[in-house]
Amino acid sequence: MVKRTLWLDRKFNFNFPVSDFPFIIERLRGTPDRAEALVKRLPAGILTKKPERGWSIQEQIGHLIKVEALHIGRLDDYDAGLESLRAADVKNVRTTNADFNAESIEWILTEFRKVREAFIDRLEAMDEARAARSAHHPRLDVPMRVCDMALFAAEHDDYHFAMITELERKFEG
């Protein structure tokens, strides 16, 4: 199996047309369903099992809830015409402090769906000019359009889904 690149080491090319934005929105819209499908096939006993380093499966999905606040905040940054987008909390303090292993997986999935739908609603309300607005992304040090930020969010979802699959293999294997 190919070793995955760590999230903070990933590089991105945002060279697609704004007209691809509807496809990215659909990808984001499908993420809660994909999360449910992932955990539905897993034995309940491994959902809260923590690896030696890192988060459990429930914490991986819970992290997506916490990161959604960053996505919404960045949409606010675009709306305010800021030159630079707010920075992410790369230490993930909010996720670590949330204790997602103490919650039910049903609550986590429902909460994720709720916050993702709010993000999708904001994205769907945009016309082409708004989707093409740009601001500086602090970590990547590149200009990022709204449509690029949406793709970045979808890639982040898939990064955590890949980690869930790794955990599944580790704990079931």
N, C-alpha and C. Protein backbone atom coordinates (compact mmCIF):
# COMPACT_ATOMS: atom_id res chain seq x y z
N MET A 1 0.85 -1.18 0.00
CA MET A 1 0.00 0.00 0.00
C MET A 1 0.89 1.25 0.00
N VAL A 2 0.45 2.26 -0.69
CA VAL A 2 1.19 3.52 -0.78
C VAL A 2 1.03 4.28 0.53
N LYS A 3 2.13 4.77 1.04
CA LYS A 3 2.08 5.57 2.27
C LYS A 3 1.52 6.95 1.94
N ARG A 4 0.55 7.40 2.74
CA ARG A 4 -0.08 8.69 2.48
C ARG A 4 0.82 9.83 2.95
N THR A 5 0.70 10.94 2.27
CA THR A 5 1.38 12.17 2.65
C THR A 5 0.65 12.77 3.85
N LEU A 6 1.38 13.25 4.83
CA LEU A 6 0.75 13.92 5.96
C LEU A 6 0.03 15.18 5.47
N TRP A 7 -1.08 15.51 6.12
CA TRP A 7 -1.90 16.64 5.68
C TRP A 7 -1.10 17.93 5.59
N LEU A 8 -0.31 18.23 6.60
CA LEU A 8 0.43 19.48 6.62
C LEU A 8 1.56 19.51 5.59
N ASP A 9 1.87 18.37 4.99
CA ASP A 9 2.90 18.31 3.94
C ASP A 9 2.29 18.34 2.54
N ARG A 10 0.97 18.28 2.44
CA ARG A 10 0.32 18.26 1.12
C ARG A 10 0.46 19.59 0.42
N LYS A 11 0.61 19.51 -0.88
CA LYS A 11 0.63 20.69 -1.76
C LYS A 11 -0.57 20.57 -2.70
N PHE A 12 -1.07 21.70 -3.14
CA PHE A 12 -2.26 21.71 -3.97
C PHE A 12 -2.07 22.62 -5.17
N ASN A 13 -2.67 22.20 -6.28
CA ASN A 13 -2.71 23.03 -7.49
C ASN A 13 -4.17 23.40 -7.73
N PHE A 14 -4.45 24.66 -7.67
CA PHE A 14 -5.81 25.14 -7.87
C PHE A 14 -5.91 25.78 -9.25
N ASN A 15 -5.80 24.94 -10.27
CA ASN A 15 -5.78 25.46 -11.63
C ASN A 15 -7.00 25.01 -12.44
N PHE A 16 -8.11 24.81 -11.76
CA PHE A 16 -9.33 24.39 -12.45
C PHE A 16 -10.25 25.60 -12.63
N PRO A 17 -11.17 25.52 -13.57
CA PRO A 17 -12.08 26.66 -13.79
C PRO A 17 -13.15 26.74 -12.70
N VAL A 18 -13.62 27.94 -12.45
CA VAL A 18 -14.68 28.15 -11.46
C VAL A 18 -15.91 27.33 -11.83
N SER A 19 -16.09 27.03 -13.10
CA SER A 19 -17.25 26.25 -13.53
C SER A 19 -17.24 24.82 -12.97
N ASP A 20 -16.13 24.39 -12.36
CA ASP A 20 -16.09 23.09 -11.68
C ASP A 20 -16.68 23.15 -10.27
N PHE A 21 -16.98 24.34 -9.78
CA PHE A 21 -17.48 24.52 -8.42
C PHE A 21 -18.70 23.64 -8.11
N PRO A 22 -19.70 23.52 -8.99
CA PRO A 22 -20.85 22.65 -8.66
C PRO A 22 -20.45 21.20 -8.39
N PHE A 23 -19.42 20.70 -9.06
CA PHE A 23 -18.97 19.32 -8.83
C PHE A 23 -18.35 19.18 -7.44
N ILE A 24 -17.63 20.19 -7.03
CA ILE A 24 -16.99 20.18 -5.71
C ILE A 24 -18.05 20.25 -4.62
N ILE A 25 -19.07 21.07 -4.84
CA ILE A 25 -20.17 21.15 -3.87
C ILE A 25 -20.84 19.79 -3.72
N GLU A 26 -21.05 19.09 -4.83
CA GLU A 26 -21.67 17.76 -4.74
C GLU A 26 -20.79 16.79 -3.97
N ARG A 27 -19.49 16.88 -4.16
CA ARG A 27 -18.57 16.02 -3.41
C ARG A 27 -18.69 16.31 -1.91
N LEU A 28 -18.73 17.59 -1.55
CA LEU A 28 -18.88 17.97 -0.15
C LEU A 28 -20.23 17.53 0.41
N ARG A 29 -21.28 17.63 -0.40
CA ARG A 29 -22.62 17.24 0.03
C ARG A 29 -22.67 15.74 0.37
N GLY A 30 -21.91 14.95 -0.33
CA GLY A 30 -21.93 13.51 -0.12
C GLY A 30 -21.10 13.01 1.05
N THR A 31 -20.31 13.87 1.65
CA THR A 31 -19.41 13.44 2.71
C THR A 31 -20.14 12.87 3.93
N PRO A 32 -21.21 13.49 4.43
CA PRO A 32 -21.89 12.86 5.58
C PRO A 32 -22.41 11.46 5.28
N ASP A 33 -22.92 11.22 4.06
CA ASP A 33 -23.37 9.89 3.68
C ASP A 33 -22.21 8.91 3.65
N ARG A 34 -21.08 9.36 3.14
CA ARG A 34 -19.89 8.50 3.10
C ARG A 34 -19.41 8.18 4.51
N ALA A 35 -19.47 9.16 5.41
CA ALA A 35 -19.07 8.92 6.80
C ALA A 35 -19.98 7.86 7.43
N GLU A 36 -21.27 7.98 7.21
CA GLU A 36 -22.20 6.99 7.75
C GLU A 36 -21.92 5.60 7.18
N ALA A 37 -21.68 5.52 5.89
CA ALA A 37 -21.39 4.24 5.27
C ALA A 37 -20.09 3.63 5.83
N LEU A 38 -19.11 4.46 6.07
CA LEU A 38 -17.84 3.97 6.63
C LEU A 38 -18.05 3.35 8.00
N VAL A 39 -18.72 4.06 8.89
CA VAL A 39 -18.83 3.55 10.26
C VAL A 39 -19.87 2.43 10.39
N LYS A 40 -20.84 2.41 9.49
CA LYS A 40 -21.88 1.37 9.55
C LYS A 40 -21.27 -0.02 9.38
N ARG A 41 -20.22 -0.12 8.60
CA ARG A 41 -19.63 -1.43 8.33
C ARG A 41 -18.63 -1.86 9.41
N LEU A 42 -18.35 -0.99 10.37
CA LEU A 42 -17.33 -1.28 11.37
C LEU A 42 -17.94 -1.81 12.66
N PRO A 43 -17.23 -2.72 13.33
CA PRO A 43 -17.69 -3.14 14.65
C PRO A 43 -17.64 -1.97 15.63
N ALA A 44 -18.66 -1.83 16.45
CA ALA A 44 -18.73 -0.70 17.39
C ALA A 44 -17.50 -0.61 18.28
N GLY A 45 -16.90 -1.73 18.60
CA GLY A 45 -15.76 -1.76 19.50
C GLY A 45 -14.52 -1.03 19.00
N ILE A 46 -14.42 -0.83 17.70
CA ILE A 46 -13.21 -0.16 17.22
C ILE A 46 -13.41 1.34 16.99
N LEU A 47 -14.64 1.82 17.10
CA LEU A 47 -14.91 3.24 16.81
C LEU A 47 -14.19 4.18 17.77
N THR A 48 -14.03 3.79 19.01
CA THR A 48 -13.39 4.65 20.00
C THR A 48 -11.99 4.17 20.37
N LYS A 49 -11.53 3.15 19.72
CA LYS A 49 -10.19 2.62 20.00
C LYS A 49 -9.14 3.57 19.44
N LYS A 50 -8.22 3.98 20.31
CA LYS A 50 -7.20 4.94 19.89
C LYS A 50 -5.91 4.22 19.49
N PRO A 51 -5.32 4.68 18.41
CA PRO A 51 -4.00 4.14 18.06
C PRO A 51 -2.96 4.67 19.04
N GLU A 52 -1.76 4.17 18.94
CA GLU A 52 -0.69 4.62 19.83
C GLU A 52 -0.53 6.14 19.78
N ARG A 53 -0.62 6.67 18.57
CA ARG A 53 -0.58 8.13 18.37
C ARG A 53 -1.73 8.50 17.45
N GLY A 54 -2.43 9.55 17.79
CA GLY A 54 -3.51 10.01 16.92
C GLY A 54 -4.88 9.79 17.50
N TRP A 55 -5.88 9.96 16.65
CA TRP A 55 -7.27 9.93 17.05
C TRP A 55 -7.95 8.62 16.69
N SER A 56 -9.02 8.33 17.42
CA SER A 56 -9.88 7.19 17.10
C SER A 56 -10.71 7.53 15.85
N ILE A 57 -11.47 6.55 15.41
CA ILE A 57 -12.36 6.77 14.26
C ILE A 57 -13.40 7.84 14.60
N GLN A 58 -14.00 7.76 15.78
CA GLN A 58 -14.98 8.79 16.16
C GLN A 58 -14.34 10.16 16.23
N GLU A 59 -13.12 10.23 16.71
CA GLU A 59 -12.43 11.51 16.79
C GLU A 59 -12.09 12.05 15.40
N GLN A 60 -11.81 11.15 14.46
CA GLN A 60 -11.54 11.58 13.08
C GLN A 60 -12.77 12.29 12.51
N ILE A 61 -13.94 11.69 12.70
CA ILE A 61 -15.16 12.31 12.18
C ILE A 61 -15.51 13.55 12.99
N GLY A 62 -15.32 13.49 14.30
CA GLY A 62 -15.56 14.65 15.14
C GLY A 62 -14.69 15.83 14.73
N HIS A 63 -13.47 15.54 14.33
CA HIS A 63 -12.58 16.61 13.85
C HIS A 63 -13.20 17.35 12.67
N LEU A 64 -13.89 16.64 11.80
CA LEU A 64 -14.53 17.28 10.66
C LEU A 64 -15.61 18.27 11.13
N ILE A 65 -16.26 17.96 12.24
CA ILE A 65 -17.23 18.90 12.81
C ILE A 65 -16.52 20.18 13.22
N LYS A 66 -15.43 20.05 13.93
CA LYS A 66 -14.70 21.22 14.42
C LYS A 66 -14.11 22.04 13.28
N VAL A 67 -13.63 21.39 12.25
CA VAL A 67 -13.03 22.09 11.12
C VAL A 67 -14.08 22.84 10.29
N GLU A 68 -15.31 22.39 10.35
CA GLU A 68 -16.36 23.07 9.59
C GLU A 68 -16.51 24.52 10.05
N ALA A 69 -16.25 24.79 11.33
CA ALA A 69 -16.30 26.17 11.82
C ALA A 69 -15.22 27.02 11.13
N LEU A 70 -14.08 26.43 10.84
CA LEU A 70 -13.03 27.13 10.09
C LEU A 70 -13.50 27.44 8.67
N HIS A 71 -14.12 26.46 8.03
CA HIS A 71 -14.62 26.67 6.66
C HIS A 71 -15.64 27.82 6.63
N ILE A 72 -16.58 27.79 7.54
CA ILE A 72 -17.59 28.85 7.60
C ILE A 72 -16.91 30.19 7.90
N GLY A 73 -15.97 30.19 8.81
CA GLY A 73 -15.24 31.42 9.13
C GLY A 73 -14.49 31.96 7.93
N ARG A 74 -13.93 31.08 7.14
CA ARG A 74 -13.23 31.54 5.94
C ARG A 74 -14.20 32.12 4.92
N LEU A 75 -15.41 31.58 4.84
CA LEU A 75 -16.41 32.20 3.97
C LEU A 75 -16.71 33.61 4.46
N ASP A 76 -16.75 33.78 5.78
CA ASP A 76 -16.93 35.13 6.35
C ASP A 76 -15.76 36.04 5.96
N ASP A 77 -14.55 35.48 5.94
CA ASP A 77 -13.36 36.26 5.54
C ASP A 77 -13.49 36.74 4.10
N TYR A 78 -13.94 35.84 3.22
CA TYR A 78 -14.15 36.24 1.81
C TYR A 78 -15.22 37.33 1.73
N ASP A 79 -16.32 37.12 2.45
CA ASP A 79 -17.42 38.11 2.43
C ASP A 79 -16.95 39.48 2.92
N ALA A 80 -16.04 39.48 3.88
CA ALA A 80 -15.54 40.74 4.44
C ALA A 80 -14.45 41.37 3.56
N GLY A 81 -14.07 40.67 2.50
CA GLY A 81 -13.04 41.20 1.60
C GLY A 81 -11.64 41.20 2.21
N LEU A 82 -11.40 40.32 3.16
CA LEU A 82 -10.07 40.26 3.78
C LEU A 82 -9.02 39.78 2.78
N GLU A 83 -7.81 40.27 2.93
CA GLU A 83 -6.71 39.86 2.05
C GLU A 83 -6.21 38.46 2.37
N SER A 84 -6.32 38.07 3.64
CA SER A 84 -5.81 36.78 4.08
C SER A 84 -6.89 36.03 4.86
N LEU A 85 -6.93 34.72 4.65
CA LEU A 85 -7.89 33.88 5.37
C LEU A 85 -7.38 33.59 6.78
N ARG A 86 -8.30 33.37 7.68
CA ARG A 86 -7.90 32.99 9.04
C ARG A 86 -7.11 31.68 9.02
N ALA A 87 -6.20 31.56 9.93
CA ALA A 87 -5.34 30.37 10.03
C ALA A 87 -6.07 29.25 10.75
N ALA A 88 -5.72 28.04 10.39
CA ALA A 88 -6.24 26.87 11.09
C ALA A 88 -5.47 26.67 12.39
N ASP A 89 -6.09 26.00 13.32
CA ASP A 89 -5.43 25.59 14.56
C ASP A 89 -4.72 24.27 14.26
N VAL A 90 -3.47 24.34 13.85
CA VAL A 90 -2.77 23.12 13.44
C VAL A 90 -2.50 22.16 14.59
N LYS A 91 -2.64 22.63 15.82
CA LYS A 91 -2.51 21.73 16.98
C LYS A 91 -3.83 21.03 17.29
N ASN A 92 -4.90 21.46 16.67
CA ASN A 92 -6.22 20.83 16.80
C ASN A 92 -6.70 20.71 18.24
N VAL A 93 -6.52 21.77 18.98
CA VAL A 93 -6.91 21.80 20.39
C VAL A 93 -8.41 21.57 20.55
N ARG A 94 -9.22 22.18 19.69
CA ARG A 94 -10.68 22.03 19.80
C ARG A 94 -11.12 20.58 19.62
N THR A 95 -10.47 19.88 18.71
CA THR A 95 -10.81 18.46 18.51
C THR A 95 -10.39 17.63 19.72
N THR A 96 -9.18 17.83 20.16
CA THR A 96 -8.66 17.06 21.29
C THR A 96 -9.50 17.29 22.54
N ASN A 97 -9.91 18.53 22.78
CA ASN A 97 -10.68 18.86 23.98
C ASN A 97 -12.15 18.45 23.89
N ALA A 98 -12.62 18.09 22.72
CA ALA A 98 -14.05 17.80 22.53
C ALA A 98 -14.48 16.44 23.10
N ASP A 99 -13.56 15.53 23.30
CA ASP A 99 -13.85 14.20 23.85
C ASP A 99 -14.94 13.49 23.04
N PHE A 100 -14.73 13.36 21.76
CA PHE A 100 -15.70 12.72 20.88
C PHE A 100 -15.91 11.24 21.21
N ASN A 101 -14.97 10.61 21.89
CA ASN A 101 -15.16 9.21 22.27
C ASN A 101 -16.22 9.05 23.35
N ALA A 102 -16.57 10.13 24.04
CA ALA A 102 -17.63 10.08 25.05
C ALA A 102 -19.01 10.26 24.43
N GLU A 103 -19.06 10.61 23.16
CA GLU A 103 -20.33 10.83 22.45
C GLU A 103 -20.73 9.55 21.71
N SER A 104 -21.98 9.47 21.34
CA SER A 104 -22.41 8.35 20.50
C SER A 104 -22.02 8.64 19.05
N ILE A 105 -21.78 7.60 18.30
CA ILE A 105 -21.45 7.79 16.88
C ILE A 105 -22.64 8.41 16.15
N GLU A 106 -23.85 8.10 16.60
CA GLU A 106 -25.05 8.67 15.97
C GLU A 106 -25.07 10.19 16.15
N TRP A 107 -24.73 10.67 17.35
CA TRP A 107 -24.69 12.12 17.60
C TRP A 107 -23.62 12.77 16.73
N ILE A 108 -22.46 12.15 16.65
CA ILE A 108 -21.36 12.71 15.85
C ILE A 108 -21.77 12.82 14.39
N LEU A 109 -22.36 11.77 13.85
CA LEU A 109 -22.78 11.78 12.44
C LEU A 109 -23.87 12.81 12.19
N THR A 110 -24.82 12.93 13.11
CA THR A 110 -25.90 13.91 12.97
C THR A 110 -25.35 15.33 13.03
N GLU A 111 -24.45 15.57 13.98
CA GLU A 111 -23.86 16.91 14.12
C GLU A 111 -23.03 17.26 12.88
N PHE A 112 -22.28 16.29 12.37
CA PHE A 112 -21.49 16.56 11.17
C PHE A 112 -22.40 16.91 10.00
N ARG A 113 -23.45 16.15 9.83
CA ARG A 113 -24.39 16.44 8.74
C ARG A 113 -24.96 17.86 8.88
N LYS A 114 -25.31 18.25 10.08
CA LYS A 114 -25.90 19.57 10.33
C LYS A 114 -24.91 20.68 9.96
N VAL A 115 -23.67 20.58 10.43
CA VAL A 115 -22.71 21.66 10.14
C VAL A 115 -22.30 21.64 8.66
N ARG A 116 -22.23 20.47 8.06
CA ARG A 116 -21.88 20.41 6.63
C ARG A 116 -22.99 21.02 5.80
N GLU A 117 -24.25 20.77 6.15
CA GLU A 117 -25.36 21.36 5.39
C GLU A 117 -25.32 22.88 5.46
N ALA A 118 -24.93 23.43 6.60
CA ALA A 118 -24.80 24.89 6.71
C ALA A 118 -23.71 25.41 5.77
N PHE A 119 -22.61 24.70 5.67
CA PHE A 119 -21.53 25.07 4.76
C PHE A 119 -22.00 24.99 3.31
N ILE A 120 -22.67 23.91 2.96
CA ILE A 120 -23.19 23.73 1.60
C ILE A 120 -24.18 24.85 1.25
N ASP A 121 -25.05 25.18 2.18
CA ASP A 121 -26.02 26.26 1.93
C ASP A 121 -25.31 27.55 1.56
N ARG A 122 -24.25 27.87 2.26
CA ARG A 122 -23.49 29.09 1.96
C ARG A 122 -22.85 29.01 0.58
N LEU A 123 -22.28 27.85 0.26
CA LEU A 123 -21.62 27.70 -1.04
C LEU A 123 -22.62 27.77 -2.18
N GLU A 124 -23.77 27.14 -2.02
CA GLU A 124 -24.77 27.11 -3.09
C GLU A 124 -25.37 28.48 -3.37
N ALA A 125 -25.29 29.38 -2.42
CA ALA A 125 -25.85 30.72 -2.60
C ALA A 125 -24.94 31.62 -3.44
N MET A 126 -23.78 31.12 -3.81
CA MET A 126 -22.81 31.96 -4.52
C MET A 126 -22.99 31.91 -6.02
N ASP A 127 -22.81 33.07 -6.65
CA ASP A 127 -22.73 33.11 -8.10
C ASP A 127 -21.26 32.94 -8.50
N GLU A 128 -21.00 32.98 -9.78
CA GLU A 128 -19.64 32.73 -10.26
C GLU A 128 -18.63 33.75 -9.74
N ALA A 129 -19.03 35.00 -9.67
CA ALA A 129 -18.11 36.05 -9.20
C ALA A 129 -17.74 35.82 -7.73
N ARG A 130 -18.72 35.45 -6.92
CA ARG A 130 -18.42 35.19 -5.50
C ARG A 130 -17.57 33.95 -5.33
N ALA A 131 -17.81 32.92 -6.12
CA ALA A 131 -17.02 31.69 -6.03
C ALA A 131 -15.58 31.90 -6.47
N ALA A 132 -15.36 32.95 -7.26
CA ALA A 132 -14.01 33.24 -7.78
C ALA A 132 -13.23 34.21 -6.89
N ARG A 133 -13.87 34.76 -5.85
CA ARG A 133 -13.15 35.67 -4.95
C ARG A 133 -11.93 34.96 -4.38
N SER A 134 -10.88 35.73 -4.16
CA SER A 134 -9.62 35.15 -3.72
C SER A 134 -9.08 35.86 -2.48
N ALA A 135 -8.39 35.08 -1.65
CA ALA A 135 -7.67 35.60 -0.49
C ALA A 135 -6.46 34.70 -0.28
N HIS A 136 -5.51 35.19 0.47
CA HIS A 136 -4.27 34.46 0.73
C HIS A 136 -4.52 33.38 1.77
N HIS A 137 -4.07 32.15 1.46
CA HIS A 137 -4.14 31.06 2.44
C HIS A 137 -2.84 31.06 3.23
N PRO A 138 -2.90 31.24 4.56
CA PRO A 138 -1.68 31.44 5.34
C PRO A 138 -0.70 30.27 5.36
N ARG A 139 -1.17 29.05 5.49
CA ARG A 139 -0.24 27.91 5.57
C ARG A 139 0.32 27.55 4.20
N LEU A 140 -0.55 27.51 3.20
CA LEU A 140 -0.10 27.13 1.87
C LEU A 140 0.67 28.26 1.18
N ASP A 141 0.45 29.49 1.65
CA ASP A 141 1.09 30.68 1.09
C ASP A 141 0.78 30.84 -0.39
N VAL A 142 -0.50 30.68 -0.71
CA VAL A 142 -0.98 30.83 -2.08
C VAL A 142 -2.30 31.58 -2.06
N PRO A 143 -2.65 32.23 -3.18
CA PRO A 143 -4.00 32.77 -3.27
C PRO A 143 -4.99 31.61 -3.38
N MET A 144 -6.13 31.74 -2.74
CA MET A 144 -7.12 30.67 -2.75
C MET A 144 -8.49 31.27 -3.02
N ARG A 145 -9.11 30.82 -4.10
CA ARG A 145 -10.48 31.24 -4.40
C ARG A 145 -11.45 30.47 -3.49
N VAL A 146 -12.67 30.94 -3.42
CA VAL A 146 -13.69 30.21 -2.65
C VAL A 146 -13.81 28.79 -3.18
N CYS A 147 -13.86 28.63 -4.50
CA CYS A 147 -13.99 27.28 -5.06
C CYS A 147 -12.77 26.42 -4.72
N ASP A 148 -11.58 27.03 -4.61
CA ASP A 148 -10.38 26.29 -4.20
C ASP A 148 -10.51 25.84 -2.75
N MET A 149 -11.02 26.74 -1.91
CA MET A 149 -11.19 26.42 -0.49
C MET A 149 -12.16 25.27 -0.32
N ALA A 150 -13.19 25.23 -1.16
CA ALA A 150 -14.15 24.13 -1.11
C ALA A 150 -13.47 22.81 -1.49
N LEU A 151 -12.64 22.84 -2.52
CA LEU A 151 -11.90 21.63 -2.90
C LEU A 151 -10.94 21.22 -1.78
N PHE A 152 -10.28 22.17 -1.18
CA PHE A 152 -9.38 21.93 -0.06
C PHE A 152 -10.13 21.23 1.08
N ALA A 153 -11.35 21.67 1.36
CA ALA A 153 -12.17 21.04 2.39
C ALA A 153 -12.51 19.60 2.02
N ALA A 154 -12.85 19.37 0.75
CA ALA A 154 -13.17 18.01 0.30
C ALA A 154 -11.94 17.10 0.41
N GLU A 155 -10.79 17.63 0.06
CA GLU A 155 -9.55 16.85 0.19
C GLU A 155 -9.26 16.52 1.65
N HIS A 156 -9.55 17.48 2.53
CA HIS A 156 -9.36 17.26 3.96
C HIS A 156 -10.29 16.15 4.47
N ASP A 157 -11.54 16.14 4.01
CA ASP A 157 -12.46 15.06 4.35
C ASP A 157 -11.86 13.71 3.97
N ASP A 158 -11.39 13.63 2.72
CA ASP A 158 -10.86 12.36 2.22
C ASP A 158 -9.59 11.93 2.95
N TYR A 159 -8.79 12.89 3.38
CA TYR A 159 -7.61 12.59 4.17
C TYR A 159 -8.02 11.84 5.44
N HIS A 160 -9.05 12.34 6.11
CA HIS A 160 -9.49 11.68 7.35
C HIS A 160 -10.21 10.37 7.08
N PHE A 161 -10.88 10.25 5.95
CA PHE A 161 -11.47 8.96 5.60
C PHE A 161 -10.39 7.91 5.34
N ALA A 162 -9.29 8.33 4.72
CA ALA A 162 -8.16 7.41 4.51
C ALA A 162 -7.58 6.97 5.85
N MET A 163 -7.54 7.88 6.81
CA MET A 163 -7.04 7.52 8.13
C MET A 163 -7.99 6.55 8.82
N ILE A 164 -9.29 6.73 8.63
CA ILE A 164 -10.27 5.80 9.20
C ILE A 164 -10.07 4.41 8.60
N THR A 165 -9.85 4.34 7.30
CA THR A 165 -9.60 3.05 6.67
C THR A 165 -8.33 2.41 7.22
N GLU A 166 -7.30 3.20 7.44
CA GLU A 166 -6.07 2.66 8.05
C GLU A 166 -6.35 2.11 9.45
N LEU A 167 -7.13 2.84 10.24
CA LEU A 167 -7.46 2.37 11.58
C LEU A 167 -8.29 1.09 11.53
N GLU A 168 -9.22 1.04 10.59
CA GLU A 168 -10.03 -0.17 10.43
C GLU A 168 -9.12 -1.37 10.16
N ARG A 169 -8.20 -1.23 9.25
CA ARG A 169 -7.27 -2.33 8.91
C ARG A 169 -6.40 -2.71 10.10
N LYS A 170 -5.94 -1.70 10.83
CA LYS A 170 -5.06 -1.95 11.97
C LYS A 170 -5.80 -2.71 13.06
N PHE A 171 -7.02 -2.29 13.39
CA PHE A 171 -7.72 -2.88 14.51
C PHE A 171 -8.47 -4.16 14.17
N GLU A 172 -8.79 -4.37 12.92
CA GLU A 172 -9.47 -5.60 12.53
C GLU A 172 -8.49 -6.67 12.04
N GLY A 173 -7.32 -6.21 11.61
CA GLY A 173 -6.33 -7.11 11.02
C GLY A 173 -5.57 -7.83 12.05
